[in-house]
Amino acid sequence: MTRSELEELYLAYGARLIAYARNLAPTEQDAEDVVQAVFVSMARHGEKKKAPRNPRSYLFAACRNEAISLRRKRRRDWEQAHLETGGEIALEPREPSSAELAEMRGIVAEALRVLPEEQREVLHLKIFEGMSFLEIAGVLNVPMHTAASRYRYALSKMSRKLKPWKDKI
């Protein structure tokens, strides 16, 4: 894989990978470190490896694996930081454009925060990344039906959690 191919992949997916990693890592900095580690690893392999057939799935799976490795290495620190930040979840890689939008994002982020991590991951990949259940299954290394079930459960829980806020959203 050439440097220009890596640059293209980063430009195409970097911000989205950071938003995804933000759901798995305690801080924005950790999310950025996870994504950087993925691209550094790809760069180290240089010309030895061809570009992945499905770069989006490959990058999201690599990002997830790197985040899991980071958490294993720093489990106690991560748990403490997660508690201190209130488990804030990034929805998109850009800042809100208005106070109303910021309030709505806060409401949705709170509903996402209380979902089990497995359901939150599937929801993010399906809604924010537009992945199919087959692609999600590949990223998470689970059967496709498991990914679909987690999505259904997440939507059901989100619906119940957001019901009191339906007029604001």
Foldseek 3Di string as FASTA:
>chain_A
DAPVVLVVLCVVCVLVQLLLLQLLFLDSVVSNVLLVVLSVVVVVCPPVDDQDPDNVLVSLLSSNVSSVVVCVVVVVVRVVSCVVVVVFHRQGSDDDDDPLRVVVSVLLRVLLSPQPSLLSSLCSCCPVVVDQLVSVCSSVVHDSVVSVVSPVVSVVSSCVSCVVVVVSD
